[in-house]
N, C-alpha and C. Protein backbone atom coordinates (compact mmCIF):
# COMPACT_ATOMS: atom_id res chain seq x y z
N MET A 1 -36.97 200.80 -92.61
CA MET A 1 -35.98 199.81 -92.18
C MET A 1 -34.94 200.48 -91.29
N HIS A 2 -34.53 199.80 -90.23
CA HIS A 2 -33.53 200.35 -89.32
C HIS A 2 -32.20 200.53 -90.03
N LEU A 3 -31.43 201.50 -89.54
CA LEU A 3 -30.14 201.82 -90.15
C LEU A 3 -29.23 200.60 -90.22
N CYS A 4 -29.11 199.86 -89.13
CA CYS A 4 -28.18 198.71 -89.12
C CYS A 4 -28.56 197.67 -90.16
N HIS A 5 -29.84 197.45 -90.36
CA HIS A 5 -30.27 196.49 -91.37
C HIS A 5 -30.03 197.03 -92.78
N ARG A 6 -30.17 198.32 -92.96
CA ARG A 6 -29.84 198.91 -94.26
C ARG A 6 -28.35 198.77 -94.55
N LEU A 7 -27.54 198.97 -93.54
CA LEU A 7 -26.09 198.81 -93.72
C LEU A 7 -25.74 197.35 -94.03
N ARG A 8 -26.37 196.43 -93.32
CA ARG A 8 -26.11 195.01 -93.58
C ARG A 8 -26.52 194.64 -95.00
N ASP A 9 -27.66 195.15 -95.46
CA ASP A 9 -28.09 194.88 -96.84
C ASP A 9 -27.11 195.46 -97.85
N ALA A 10 -26.57 196.63 -97.54
CA ALA A 10 -25.61 197.27 -98.45
C ALA A 10 -24.32 196.47 -98.56
N ALA A 11 -24.03 195.69 -97.52
CA ALA A 11 -22.78 194.92 -97.49
C ALA A 11 -22.90 193.55 -98.14
N GLN A 12 -24.05 193.25 -98.73
CA GLN A 12 -24.18 191.98 -99.44
C GLN A 12 -23.41 192.03 -100.76
N PRO A 13 -22.88 190.92 -101.23
CA PRO A 13 -23.05 189.55 -100.71
C PRO A 13 -22.01 189.15 -99.66
N HIS A 14 -21.14 190.11 -99.28
CA HIS A 14 -20.02 189.76 -98.39
C HIS A 14 -20.49 189.31 -97.02
N TRP A 15 -21.54 189.96 -96.51
CA TRP A 15 -22.03 189.62 -95.17
C TRP A 15 -22.48 188.16 -95.11
N ASP A 16 -23.38 187.77 -96.00
CA ASP A 16 -23.89 186.40 -95.98
C ASP A 16 -22.81 185.39 -96.32
N ALA A 17 -21.88 185.77 -97.19
CA ALA A 17 -20.79 184.86 -97.53
C ALA A 17 -19.93 184.55 -96.31
N ALA A 18 -19.74 185.53 -95.44
CA ALA A 18 -18.99 185.31 -94.20
C ALA A 18 -19.79 184.45 -93.22
N ILE A 19 -21.07 184.77 -93.05
CA ILE A 19 -21.92 184.05 -92.11
C ILE A 19 -21.99 182.56 -92.45
N HIS A 20 -22.03 182.26 -93.75
CA HIS A 20 -22.20 180.87 -94.20
C HIS A 20 -20.92 180.32 -94.83
N HIS A 21 -19.80 180.82 -94.38
CA HIS A 21 -18.52 180.40 -94.94
C HIS A 21 -18.21 178.95 -94.58
N ARG A 22 -17.43 178.33 -95.43
CA ARG A 22 -16.95 176.97 -95.16
C ARG A 22 -16.28 176.88 -93.78
N PHE A 23 -15.52 177.90 -93.43
CA PHE A 23 -14.84 177.93 -92.13
C PHE A 23 -15.84 177.79 -90.99
N VAL A 24 -16.93 178.55 -91.07
CA VAL A 24 -17.96 178.52 -90.02
C VAL A 24 -18.61 177.14 -89.97
N ASP A 25 -18.95 176.61 -91.14
CA ASP A 25 -19.57 175.28 -91.19
C ASP A 25 -18.69 174.24 -90.51
N GLU A 26 -17.41 174.24 -90.86
CA GLU A 26 -16.50 173.23 -90.33
C GLU A 26 -16.24 173.42 -88.83
N LEU A 27 -16.20 174.67 -88.38
CA LEU A 27 -16.01 174.93 -86.96
C LEU A 27 -17.21 174.45 -86.15
N ILE A 28 -18.41 174.81 -86.60
CA ILE A 28 -19.63 174.42 -85.89
C ILE A 28 -19.77 172.91 -85.84
N GLU A 29 -19.35 172.24 -86.91
CA GLU A 29 -19.47 170.78 -86.97
C GLU A 29 -18.29 170.08 -86.30
N GLY A 30 -17.30 170.83 -85.84
CA GLY A 30 -16.17 170.25 -85.13
C GLY A 30 -15.21 169.49 -86.02
N ARG A 31 -15.21 169.78 -87.32
CA ARG A 31 -14.34 169.04 -88.24
C ARG A 31 -13.31 169.94 -88.92
N ILE A 32 -13.09 171.12 -88.36
CA ILE A 32 -12.13 172.03 -88.96
C ILE A 32 -10.72 171.52 -88.72
N ASP A 33 -9.89 171.61 -89.74
CA ASP A 33 -8.51 171.15 -89.64
C ASP A 33 -7.74 172.00 -88.64
N ASP A 34 -6.91 171.37 -87.81
CA ASP A 34 -6.16 172.09 -86.79
C ASP A 34 -5.29 173.19 -87.39
N ALA A 35 -4.66 172.90 -88.53
CA ALA A 35 -3.78 173.89 -89.16
C ALA A 35 -4.57 175.11 -89.63
N VAL A 36 -5.78 174.87 -90.14
CA VAL A 36 -6.64 175.97 -90.59
C VAL A 36 -7.07 176.82 -89.40
N PHE A 37 -7.52 176.16 -88.33
CA PHE A 37 -8.00 176.90 -87.17
C PHE A 37 -6.86 177.65 -86.49
N ALA A 38 -5.68 177.01 -86.43
CA ALA A 38 -4.53 177.68 -85.82
C ALA A 38 -4.13 178.91 -86.63
N ARG A 39 -4.12 178.79 -87.95
CA ARG A 39 -3.76 179.94 -88.79
C ARG A 39 -4.75 181.08 -88.58
N TYR A 40 -6.03 180.74 -88.52
CA TYR A 40 -7.07 181.74 -88.27
C TYR A 40 -6.86 182.42 -86.92
N LEU A 41 -6.65 181.64 -85.86
CA LEU A 41 -6.52 182.22 -84.52
C LEU A 41 -5.27 183.08 -84.39
N VAL A 42 -4.17 182.63 -84.99
CA VAL A 42 -2.94 183.43 -84.92
C VAL A 42 -3.17 184.79 -85.57
N GLN A 43 -3.81 184.80 -86.73
CA GLN A 43 -4.07 186.07 -87.40
C GLN A 43 -5.11 186.90 -86.64
N ASP A 44 -6.12 186.24 -86.08
CA ASP A 44 -7.12 186.97 -85.29
C ASP A 44 -6.48 187.61 -84.06
N TYR A 45 -5.53 186.90 -83.46
CA TYR A 45 -4.84 187.44 -82.30
C TYR A 45 -4.08 188.73 -82.66
N CYS A 46 -3.64 188.82 -83.90
CA CYS A 46 -2.94 190.03 -84.34
C CYS A 46 -3.83 191.26 -84.29
N PHE A 47 -5.15 191.06 -84.30
CA PHE A 47 -6.09 192.17 -84.21
C PHE A 47 -6.16 192.75 -82.81
N CYS A 48 -5.78 191.95 -81.81
CA CYS A 48 -6.14 192.28 -80.43
C CYS A 48 -5.71 193.68 -80.01
N ASP A 49 -4.47 194.04 -80.30
CA ASP A 49 -3.99 195.34 -79.86
C ASP A 49 -4.79 196.47 -80.51
N SER A 50 -5.01 196.37 -81.83
CA SER A 50 -5.78 197.40 -82.52
C SER A 50 -7.23 197.41 -82.06
N PHE A 51 -7.77 196.22 -81.75
CA PHE A 51 -9.16 196.16 -81.30
C PHE A 51 -9.32 196.78 -79.92
N VAL A 52 -8.35 196.54 -79.05
CA VAL A 52 -8.37 197.17 -77.72
C VAL A 52 -8.31 198.69 -77.87
N ARG A 53 -7.45 199.16 -78.76
CA ARG A 53 -7.37 200.61 -78.98
C ARG A 53 -8.67 201.16 -79.57
N LEU A 54 -9.31 200.38 -80.46
CA LEU A 54 -10.59 200.81 -81.02
C LEU A 54 -11.64 200.92 -79.93
N MET A 55 -11.68 199.95 -79.03
CA MET A 55 -12.65 200.02 -77.94
C MET A 55 -12.33 201.17 -76.99
N GLY A 56 -11.05 201.42 -76.78
CA GLY A 56 -10.66 202.58 -75.99
C GLY A 56 -11.08 203.88 -76.65
N ALA A 57 -10.97 203.92 -77.97
CA ALA A 57 -11.40 205.11 -78.72
C ALA A 57 -12.91 205.32 -78.56
N ALA A 58 -13.66 204.21 -78.50
CA ALA A 58 -15.11 204.33 -78.28
C ALA A 58 -15.40 204.92 -76.91
N VAL A 59 -14.62 204.53 -75.91
CA VAL A 59 -14.78 205.11 -74.57
C VAL A 59 -14.58 206.62 -74.63
N CYS A 60 -13.53 207.04 -75.34
CA CYS A 60 -13.21 208.47 -75.43
C CYS A 60 -14.22 209.25 -76.27
N ALA A 61 -14.67 208.64 -77.36
CA ALA A 61 -15.50 209.38 -78.32
C ALA A 61 -16.99 209.34 -77.99
N ALA A 62 -17.43 208.41 -77.17
CA ALA A 62 -18.86 208.31 -76.85
C ALA A 62 -19.37 209.60 -76.24
N ASP A 63 -20.58 209.95 -76.62
CA ASP A 63 -21.16 211.23 -76.17
C ASP A 63 -22.09 211.06 -74.98
N ASP A 64 -22.04 209.91 -74.34
CA ASP A 64 -22.95 209.61 -73.25
C ASP A 64 -22.19 208.86 -72.16
N ALA A 65 -22.34 209.28 -70.91
CA ALA A 65 -21.59 208.68 -69.81
C ALA A 65 -21.93 207.20 -69.61
N ASP A 66 -23.20 206.84 -69.71
CA ASP A 66 -23.60 205.45 -69.54
C ASP A 66 -23.00 204.58 -70.64
N ALA A 67 -22.98 205.10 -71.86
CA ALA A 67 -22.39 204.35 -72.97
C ALA A 67 -20.90 204.12 -72.75
N ARG A 68 -20.22 205.12 -72.22
CA ARG A 68 -18.79 204.96 -71.95
C ARG A 68 -18.54 203.81 -70.97
N LEU A 69 -19.40 203.67 -69.99
CA LEU A 69 -19.24 202.59 -69.01
C LEU A 69 -19.45 201.22 -69.66
N VAL A 70 -20.41 201.11 -70.56
CA VAL A 70 -20.65 199.84 -71.25
C VAL A 70 -19.43 199.46 -72.08
N HIS A 71 -18.89 200.42 -72.83
CA HIS A 71 -17.69 200.15 -73.62
C HIS A 71 -16.52 199.74 -72.73
N ALA A 72 -16.37 200.41 -71.60
CA ALA A 72 -15.26 200.11 -70.70
C ALA A 72 -15.39 198.71 -70.10
N ARG A 73 -16.61 198.32 -69.75
CA ARG A 73 -16.80 196.97 -69.20
C ARG A 73 -16.48 195.90 -70.24
N GLN A 74 -16.87 196.13 -71.49
CA GLN A 74 -16.58 195.13 -72.52
C GLN A 74 -15.09 195.08 -72.84
N LEU A 75 -14.44 196.21 -72.74
CA LEU A 75 -12.99 196.24 -72.93
C LEU A 75 -12.30 195.33 -71.92
N ALA A 76 -12.80 195.30 -70.70
CA ALA A 76 -12.23 194.43 -69.68
C ALA A 76 -12.42 192.96 -70.04
N VAL A 77 -13.55 192.63 -70.67
CA VAL A 77 -13.80 191.24 -71.09
C VAL A 77 -12.79 190.82 -72.15
N VAL A 78 -12.58 191.69 -73.14
CA VAL A 78 -11.63 191.38 -74.21
C VAL A 78 -10.22 191.23 -73.67
N ALA A 79 -9.85 192.09 -72.74
CA ALA A 79 -8.50 192.04 -72.16
C ALA A 79 -8.35 190.90 -71.17
N GLY A 80 -9.45 190.30 -70.73
CA GLY A 80 -9.39 189.24 -69.72
C GLY A 80 -9.71 187.88 -70.28
N ASP A 81 -10.99 187.48 -70.23
CA ASP A 81 -11.39 186.13 -70.61
C ASP A 81 -11.06 185.80 -72.07
N GLU A 82 -11.30 186.75 -72.96
CA GLU A 82 -11.05 186.47 -74.37
C GLU A 82 -9.56 186.29 -74.65
N HIS A 83 -8.74 187.11 -74.02
CA HIS A 83 -7.30 186.97 -74.18
C HIS A 83 -6.83 185.62 -73.65
N ARG A 84 -7.40 185.19 -72.54
CA ARG A 84 -7.06 183.88 -71.96
C ARG A 84 -7.42 182.76 -72.93
N TYR A 85 -8.56 182.92 -73.62
CA TYR A 85 -8.97 181.91 -74.59
C TYR A 85 -7.88 181.68 -75.63
N PHE A 86 -7.33 182.76 -76.17
CA PHE A 86 -6.30 182.61 -77.21
C PHE A 86 -5.11 181.80 -76.68
N LEU A 87 -4.64 182.13 -75.52
CA LEU A 87 -3.48 181.43 -74.97
C LEU A 87 -3.77 179.94 -74.76
N ASP A 88 -4.95 179.64 -74.25
CA ASP A 88 -5.33 178.24 -74.04
C ASP A 88 -5.47 177.50 -75.38
N ALA A 89 -6.06 178.16 -76.37
CA ALA A 89 -6.26 177.53 -77.67
C ALA A 89 -4.93 177.29 -78.37
N PHE A 90 -4.01 178.25 -78.27
CA PHE A 90 -2.69 178.05 -78.87
C PHE A 90 -2.00 176.84 -78.26
N ALA A 91 -2.11 176.69 -76.95
CA ALA A 91 -1.50 175.54 -76.28
C ALA A 91 -2.14 174.24 -76.75
N ALA A 92 -3.46 174.22 -76.87
CA ALA A 92 -4.17 173.02 -77.30
C ALA A 92 -3.84 172.64 -78.73
N LEU A 93 -3.59 173.64 -79.57
CA LEU A 93 -3.32 173.40 -80.99
C LEU A 93 -1.83 173.25 -81.28
N GLY A 94 -1.01 173.36 -80.25
CA GLY A 94 0.42 173.20 -80.44
C GLY A 94 1.09 174.36 -81.15
N VAL A 95 0.53 175.55 -81.01
CA VAL A 95 1.12 176.75 -81.63
C VAL A 95 2.16 177.32 -80.67
N GLU A 96 3.40 177.37 -81.10
CA GLU A 96 4.47 177.87 -80.24
C GLU A 96 4.39 179.38 -80.09
N GLU A 97 4.92 179.87 -78.98
CA GLU A 97 4.81 181.29 -78.67
C GLU A 97 5.39 182.17 -79.77
N ARG A 98 6.52 181.77 -80.35
CA ARG A 98 7.13 182.58 -81.41
C ARG A 98 6.21 182.69 -82.63
N GLU A 99 5.32 181.70 -82.81
CA GLU A 99 4.42 181.72 -83.96
C GLU A 99 3.28 182.71 -83.78
N TRP A 100 2.80 182.88 -82.53
CA TRP A 100 1.68 183.80 -82.34
C TRP A 100 2.09 185.19 -81.89
N ARG A 101 3.32 185.33 -81.42
CA ARG A 101 3.76 186.67 -80.98
C ARG A 101 4.15 187.57 -82.15
N SER A 102 4.76 187.03 -83.18
CA SER A 102 5.24 187.89 -84.27
C SER A 102 5.10 187.19 -85.62
N PRO A 103 3.86 186.84 -86.00
CA PRO A 103 3.66 186.17 -87.29
C PRO A 103 3.69 187.18 -88.45
N ALA A 104 3.90 186.66 -89.64
CA ALA A 104 3.70 187.49 -90.83
C ALA A 104 2.20 187.77 -90.96
N LEU A 105 1.86 189.01 -91.24
CA LEU A 105 0.44 189.36 -91.34
C LEU A 105 -0.10 189.02 -92.72
N ALA A 106 -1.25 188.34 -92.74
CA ALA A 106 -1.95 188.09 -93.99
C ALA A 106 -2.59 189.39 -94.49
N GLY A 107 -2.91 189.42 -95.78
CA GLY A 107 -3.49 190.62 -96.37
C GLY A 107 -4.73 191.12 -95.65
N PRO A 108 -5.74 190.27 -95.40
CA PRO A 108 -6.94 190.75 -94.71
C PRO A 108 -6.65 191.23 -93.29
N THR A 109 -5.65 190.64 -92.64
CA THR A 109 -5.28 191.09 -91.30
C THR A 109 -4.76 192.51 -91.35
N ARG A 110 -3.86 192.77 -92.28
CA ARG A 110 -3.34 194.14 -92.44
C ARG A 110 -4.47 195.12 -92.72
N GLU A 111 -5.39 194.70 -93.61
CA GLU A 111 -6.48 195.60 -94.01
C GLU A 111 -7.39 195.94 -92.84
N PHE A 112 -7.68 194.94 -92.00
CA PHE A 112 -8.58 195.22 -90.88
C PHE A 112 -7.89 196.06 -89.81
N ILE A 113 -6.62 195.82 -89.59
CA ILE A 113 -5.86 196.66 -88.66
C ILE A 113 -5.85 198.10 -89.16
N ASP A 114 -5.63 198.29 -90.46
CA ASP A 114 -5.65 199.63 -91.05
C ASP A 114 -7.00 200.30 -90.83
N LEU A 115 -8.07 199.53 -91.06
CA LEU A 115 -9.41 200.09 -90.89
C LEU A 115 -9.66 200.50 -89.44
N MET A 116 -9.27 199.65 -88.49
CA MET A 116 -9.46 199.99 -87.08
C MET A 116 -8.62 201.21 -86.69
N ASP A 117 -7.39 201.26 -87.19
CA ASP A 117 -6.53 202.40 -86.87
C ASP A 117 -7.10 203.70 -87.45
N GLU A 118 -7.66 203.62 -88.65
CA GLU A 118 -8.28 204.81 -89.26
C GLU A 118 -9.49 205.26 -88.44
N ALA A 119 -10.29 204.31 -87.99
CA ALA A 119 -11.45 204.66 -87.17
C ALA A 119 -11.02 205.30 -85.85
N CYS A 120 -9.96 204.75 -85.25
CA CYS A 120 -9.44 205.35 -84.01
C CYS A 120 -8.99 206.78 -84.25
N ALA A 121 -8.22 206.97 -85.31
CA ALA A 121 -7.67 208.29 -85.59
C ALA A 121 -8.76 209.32 -85.89
N SER A 122 -9.89 208.85 -86.43
CA SER A 122 -10.98 209.78 -86.78
C SER A 122 -11.64 210.38 -85.55
N GLN A 123 -11.62 209.64 -84.43
CA GLN A 123 -12.34 210.04 -83.21
C GLN A 123 -13.81 210.33 -83.51
N ASP A 124 -14.32 209.73 -84.57
CA ASP A 124 -15.73 209.86 -84.97
C ASP A 124 -16.48 208.68 -84.38
N TYR A 125 -17.30 208.93 -83.38
CA TYR A 125 -17.97 207.86 -82.65
C TYR A 125 -18.79 206.97 -83.59
N ALA A 126 -19.48 207.57 -84.56
CA ALA A 126 -20.30 206.78 -85.47
C ALA A 126 -19.45 205.83 -86.31
N VAL A 127 -18.32 206.30 -86.80
CA VAL A 127 -17.43 205.46 -87.61
C VAL A 127 -16.82 204.35 -86.75
N ILE A 128 -16.42 204.69 -85.53
CA ILE A 128 -15.91 203.67 -84.60
C ILE A 128 -16.98 202.60 -84.37
N LEU A 129 -18.21 203.03 -84.18
CA LEU A 129 -19.30 202.07 -83.97
C LEU A 129 -19.52 201.18 -85.18
N VAL A 130 -19.41 201.74 -86.37
CA VAL A 130 -19.59 200.94 -87.59
C VAL A 130 -18.63 199.75 -87.59
N VAL A 131 -17.36 200.02 -87.31
CA VAL A 131 -16.36 198.95 -87.34
C VAL A 131 -16.63 197.94 -86.22
N LEU A 132 -16.99 198.43 -85.04
CA LEU A 132 -17.32 197.52 -83.94
C LEU A 132 -18.56 196.68 -84.25
N VAL A 133 -19.56 197.29 -84.85
CA VAL A 133 -20.80 196.58 -85.16
C VAL A 133 -20.52 195.45 -86.15
N VAL A 134 -19.76 195.72 -87.20
CA VAL A 134 -19.44 194.64 -88.14
C VAL A 134 -18.68 193.52 -87.45
N ALA A 135 -17.64 193.89 -86.70
CA ALA A 135 -16.80 192.88 -86.06
C ALA A 135 -17.59 192.00 -85.10
N GLU A 136 -18.54 192.58 -84.38
CA GLU A 136 -19.25 191.85 -83.33
C GLU A 136 -20.58 191.25 -83.82
N TRP A 137 -21.34 191.99 -84.58
CA TRP A 137 -22.64 191.50 -85.05
C TRP A 137 -22.46 190.34 -86.02
N LEU A 138 -21.50 190.46 -86.93
CA LEU A 138 -21.26 189.38 -87.88
C LEU A 138 -20.88 188.09 -87.15
N TYR A 139 -20.06 188.21 -86.09
CA TYR A 139 -19.68 187.03 -85.33
C TYR A 139 -20.86 186.46 -84.55
N LEU A 140 -21.71 187.32 -84.03
CA LEU A 140 -22.91 186.83 -83.35
C LEU A 140 -23.79 186.05 -84.34
N GLU A 141 -23.92 186.54 -85.55
CA GLU A 141 -24.79 185.88 -86.52
C GLU A 141 -24.25 184.51 -86.91
N TRP A 142 -22.94 184.41 -87.15
CA TRP A 142 -22.46 183.07 -87.53
C TRP A 142 -22.47 182.14 -86.32
N ALA A 143 -22.12 182.63 -85.13
CA ALA A 143 -22.10 181.76 -83.96
C ALA A 143 -23.50 181.30 -83.58
N SER A 144 -24.50 182.12 -83.88
CA SER A 144 -25.88 181.76 -83.57
C SER A 144 -26.40 180.64 -84.45
N ARG A 145 -25.67 180.31 -85.49
CA ARG A 145 -26.05 179.18 -86.34
C ARG A 145 -25.86 177.85 -85.62
N ALA A 146 -25.06 177.84 -84.57
CA ALA A 146 -24.78 176.59 -83.83
C ALA A 146 -25.92 176.31 -82.87
N THR A 147 -27.04 175.87 -83.41
CA THR A 147 -28.23 175.66 -82.59
C THR A 147 -28.29 174.25 -82.01
N ALA A 148 -27.60 173.31 -82.62
CA ALA A 148 -27.56 171.94 -82.09
C ALA A 148 -26.43 171.85 -81.06
N SER A 149 -26.04 170.64 -80.70
CA SER A 149 -24.95 170.48 -79.73
C SER A 149 -23.66 171.05 -80.29
N LEU A 150 -22.87 171.66 -79.42
CA LEU A 150 -21.62 172.27 -79.84
C LEU A 150 -20.55 171.20 -80.02
N PRO A 151 -19.52 171.49 -80.82
CA PRO A 151 -18.44 170.52 -81.01
C PRO A 151 -17.75 170.23 -79.69
N PRO A 152 -17.18 169.03 -79.53
CA PRO A 152 -16.66 168.61 -78.23
C PRO A 152 -15.37 169.29 -77.79
N ARG A 153 -14.51 169.68 -78.71
CA ARG A 153 -13.22 170.22 -78.31
C ARG A 153 -13.37 171.63 -77.75
N PRO A 154 -12.75 171.91 -76.61
CA PRO A 154 -12.91 173.23 -75.97
C PRO A 154 -12.51 174.40 -76.87
N GLU A 155 -11.43 174.25 -77.63
CA GLU A 155 -10.99 175.37 -78.47
C GLU A 155 -12.01 175.70 -79.55
N HIS A 156 -12.86 174.73 -79.91
CA HIS A 156 -13.92 174.97 -80.88
C HIS A 156 -15.17 175.54 -80.20
N HIS A 157 -15.68 174.80 -79.19
CA HIS A 157 -16.95 175.26 -78.62
C HIS A 157 -16.80 176.54 -77.82
N ASP A 158 -15.64 176.79 -77.21
CA ASP A 158 -15.47 178.03 -76.45
C ASP A 158 -15.47 179.25 -77.37
N TRP A 159 -14.90 179.10 -78.57
CA TRP A 159 -14.88 180.23 -79.51
C TRP A 159 -16.30 180.55 -79.97
N ILE A 160 -17.12 179.53 -80.14
CA ILE A 160 -18.51 179.76 -80.51
C ILE A 160 -19.27 180.40 -79.35
N ARG A 161 -19.10 179.87 -78.16
CA ARG A 161 -19.82 180.39 -76.99
C ARG A 161 -19.48 181.85 -76.70
N ILE A 162 -18.22 182.20 -76.84
CA ILE A 162 -17.80 183.59 -76.61
C ILE A 162 -18.64 184.55 -77.43
N HIS A 163 -19.02 184.12 -78.64
CA HIS A 163 -19.71 185.00 -79.57
C HIS A 163 -21.21 184.73 -79.67
N ALA A 164 -21.74 183.96 -78.73
CA ALA A 164 -23.18 183.68 -78.79
C ALA A 164 -23.86 183.66 -77.43
N ASP A 165 -23.12 183.90 -76.35
CA ASP A 165 -23.78 183.84 -75.04
C ASP A 165 -24.61 185.10 -74.80
N ALA A 166 -25.38 185.08 -73.72
CA ALA A 166 -26.34 186.16 -73.46
C ALA A 166 -25.65 187.51 -73.29
N GLU A 167 -24.49 187.51 -72.65
CA GLU A 167 -23.76 188.77 -72.46
C GLU A 167 -23.32 189.36 -73.79
N PHE A 168 -22.87 188.49 -74.68
CA PHE A 168 -22.43 188.98 -75.99
C PHE A 168 -23.61 189.49 -76.80
N VAL A 169 -24.74 188.83 -76.70
CA VAL A 169 -25.96 189.31 -77.38
C VAL A 169 -26.31 190.72 -76.88
N ARG A 170 -26.24 190.93 -75.57
CA ARG A 170 -26.54 192.26 -75.02
C ARG A 170 -25.54 193.30 -75.51
N TRP A 171 -24.27 192.91 -75.62
CA TRP A 171 -23.24 193.81 -76.11
C TRP A 171 -23.52 194.22 -77.55
N VAL A 172 -23.86 193.26 -78.39
CA VAL A 172 -24.16 193.57 -79.80
C VAL A 172 -25.41 194.43 -79.90
N ASP A 173 -26.42 194.13 -79.10
CA ASP A 173 -27.64 194.96 -79.10
C ASP A 173 -27.30 196.39 -78.70
N PHE A 174 -26.43 196.54 -77.73
CA PHE A 174 -26.01 197.88 -77.32
C PHE A 174 -25.32 198.61 -78.47
N LEU A 175 -24.37 197.95 -79.13
CA LEU A 175 -23.64 198.58 -80.24
C LEU A 175 -24.59 199.01 -81.35
N ARG A 176 -25.50 198.12 -81.70
CA ARG A 176 -26.44 198.45 -82.76
C ARG A 176 -27.34 199.62 -82.35
N GLY A 177 -27.77 199.61 -81.09
CA GLY A 177 -28.60 200.71 -80.61
C GLY A 177 -27.87 202.04 -80.63
N GLU A 178 -26.60 202.01 -80.25
CA GLU A 178 -25.79 203.24 -80.30
C GLU A 178 -25.61 203.73 -81.73
N LEU A 179 -25.37 202.81 -82.66
CA LEU A 179 -25.21 203.22 -84.05
C LEU A 179 -26.51 203.78 -84.61
N GLU A 180 -27.63 203.17 -84.24
CA GLU A 180 -28.93 203.72 -84.66
C GLU A 180 -29.10 205.14 -84.13
N ARG A 181 -28.68 205.35 -82.89
CA ARG A 181 -28.87 206.65 -82.24
C ARG A 181 -28.00 207.73 -82.86
N VAL A 182 -26.69 207.47 -82.94
CA VAL A 182 -25.79 208.53 -83.39
C VAL A 182 -25.69 208.60 -84.91
N GLY A 183 -26.10 207.53 -85.60
CA GLY A 183 -26.00 207.54 -87.06
C GLY A 183 -27.24 208.03 -87.76
N ALA A 184 -28.29 208.30 -87.02
CA ALA A 184 -29.57 208.65 -87.63
C ALA A 184 -29.49 209.86 -88.54
N GLY A 185 -28.71 210.85 -88.15
CA GLY A 185 -28.64 212.07 -88.96
C GLY A 185 -27.47 212.11 -89.92
N ARG A 186 -26.74 211.02 -90.03
CA ARG A 186 -25.54 210.99 -90.87
C ARG A 186 -25.89 210.62 -92.30
N GLU A 187 -25.09 211.12 -93.24
CA GLU A 187 -25.22 210.70 -94.63
C GLU A 187 -24.94 209.19 -94.70
N PHE A 188 -25.83 208.44 -95.34
CA PHE A 188 -25.74 206.98 -95.34
C PHE A 188 -24.40 206.50 -95.88
N GLU A 189 -23.91 207.12 -96.92
CA GLU A 189 -22.67 206.65 -97.54
C GLU A 189 -21.48 206.78 -96.60
N SER A 190 -21.50 207.76 -95.71
CA SER A 190 -20.38 207.93 -94.78
C SER A 190 -20.27 206.76 -93.81
N LEU A 191 -21.37 206.05 -93.61
CA LEU A 191 -21.38 204.88 -92.74
C LEU A 191 -21.32 203.58 -93.54
N SER A 192 -21.98 203.56 -94.70
CA SER A 192 -22.01 202.33 -95.49
C SER A 192 -20.65 202.00 -96.09
N THR A 193 -19.85 203.02 -96.41
CA THR A 193 -18.53 202.76 -97.00
C THR A 193 -17.64 201.95 -96.05
N PRO A 194 -17.44 202.38 -94.79
CA PRO A 194 -16.65 201.54 -93.89
C PRO A 194 -17.35 200.23 -93.52
N PHE A 195 -18.67 200.21 -93.48
CA PHE A 195 -19.40 198.98 -93.15
C PHE A 195 -19.16 197.92 -94.23
N ILE A 196 -19.26 198.31 -95.48
CA ILE A 196 -19.03 197.38 -96.60
C ILE A 196 -17.57 196.94 -96.62
N ARG A 197 -16.68 197.88 -96.41
CA ARG A 197 -15.25 197.56 -96.39
C ARG A 197 -14.95 196.53 -95.30
N ALA A 198 -15.48 196.72 -94.11
CA ALA A 198 -15.24 195.79 -93.02
C ALA A 198 -15.84 194.42 -93.32
N SER A 199 -17.02 194.38 -93.90
CA SER A 199 -17.68 193.11 -94.22
C SER A 199 -16.90 192.34 -95.27
N ARG A 200 -16.38 193.04 -96.25
CA ARG A 200 -15.57 192.40 -97.30
C ARG A 200 -14.30 191.79 -96.69
N ILE A 201 -13.68 192.53 -95.77
CA ILE A 201 -12.47 192.01 -95.12
C ILE A 201 -12.79 190.77 -94.29
N GLU A 202 -13.92 190.78 -93.59
CA GLU A 202 -14.31 189.63 -92.77
C GLU A 202 -14.46 188.37 -93.65
N GLU A 203 -15.07 188.52 -94.81
CA GLU A 203 -15.20 187.37 -95.71
C GLU A 203 -13.83 186.88 -96.15
N ARG A 204 -12.96 187.80 -96.52
CA ARG A 204 -11.62 187.42 -96.98
C ARG A 204 -10.78 186.84 -95.84
N PHE A 205 -11.07 187.25 -94.62
CA PHE A 205 -10.32 186.72 -93.48
C PHE A 205 -10.59 185.23 -93.31
N PHE A 206 -11.84 184.81 -93.48
CA PHE A 206 -12.14 183.39 -93.43
C PHE A 206 -11.49 182.64 -94.59
N ASP A 207 -11.49 183.26 -95.78
CA ASP A 207 -10.80 182.64 -96.92
C ASP A 207 -9.34 182.40 -96.60
N MET A 208 -8.72 183.38 -95.97
CA MET A 208 -7.29 183.35 -95.66
C MET A 208 -6.90 182.15 -94.83
N ALA A 209 -7.80 181.69 -93.98
CA ALA A 209 -7.47 180.58 -93.08
C ALA A 209 -7.07 179.32 -93.84
N TYR A 210 -7.50 179.23 -95.10
CA TYR A 210 -7.19 178.05 -95.90
C TYR A 210 -5.96 178.24 -96.78
N ASP A 211 -5.34 179.39 -96.70
CA ASP A 211 -4.14 179.67 -97.49
C ASP A 211 -2.96 179.84 -96.56
N ARG A 212 -1.79 179.61 -97.09
CA ARG A 212 -0.60 179.93 -96.31
C ARG A 212 -0.44 181.44 -96.23
N VAL A 213 -0.01 181.92 -95.08
CA VAL A 213 0.18 183.36 -94.88
C VAL A 213 1.36 183.80 -95.72
N ARG A 214 1.16 184.86 -96.46
CA ARG A 214 2.20 185.37 -97.32
C ARG A 214 2.59 186.77 -96.85
N ASP A 215 3.85 187.14 -97.04
CA ASP A 215 4.30 188.47 -96.70
C ASP A 215 3.68 189.46 -97.67
């Protein structure tokens, strides 16, 4: 079995719980409550700075020039079109600037920021890839569930498309291939520990969308 699939199996039941979460079902069906989706997006936006730094760390830590270019190109996507999506969605959902610029961080948000910051500080390319693979592959899997017509509202269908279009599929395939390559000789537990941790946080992050953010 390939390394990435072994890691995904090790992260059960959290991985499947996230893929088939109530949040995902309601988003795909276009019936998610505006307050729930706004809370989720505001907290997700809080990841952006740490995620950009994580992708920058991948550029620095990658051991292959071609791989560095792929990471750099995707970093431009996150800093461009994806960032624009957040601003447009906040406007559509009536989220005021003060609400998304400096919100109180929910527990899972803090935990994922901590995990990304730890991966950055490690400068360990394999560990950086683990966190990127969970963040991106898990989203590809849930977004790929939207096989019928997408929900009509742009803030819903655009979020799904961002994580399921052909370019994103190629990006996830690249990340998984890199992790297979550089992780092949690594002790499994050194990679499975952060993989499981990230998957657990992703599940809890969807749970959080239905709760009020607490300090």
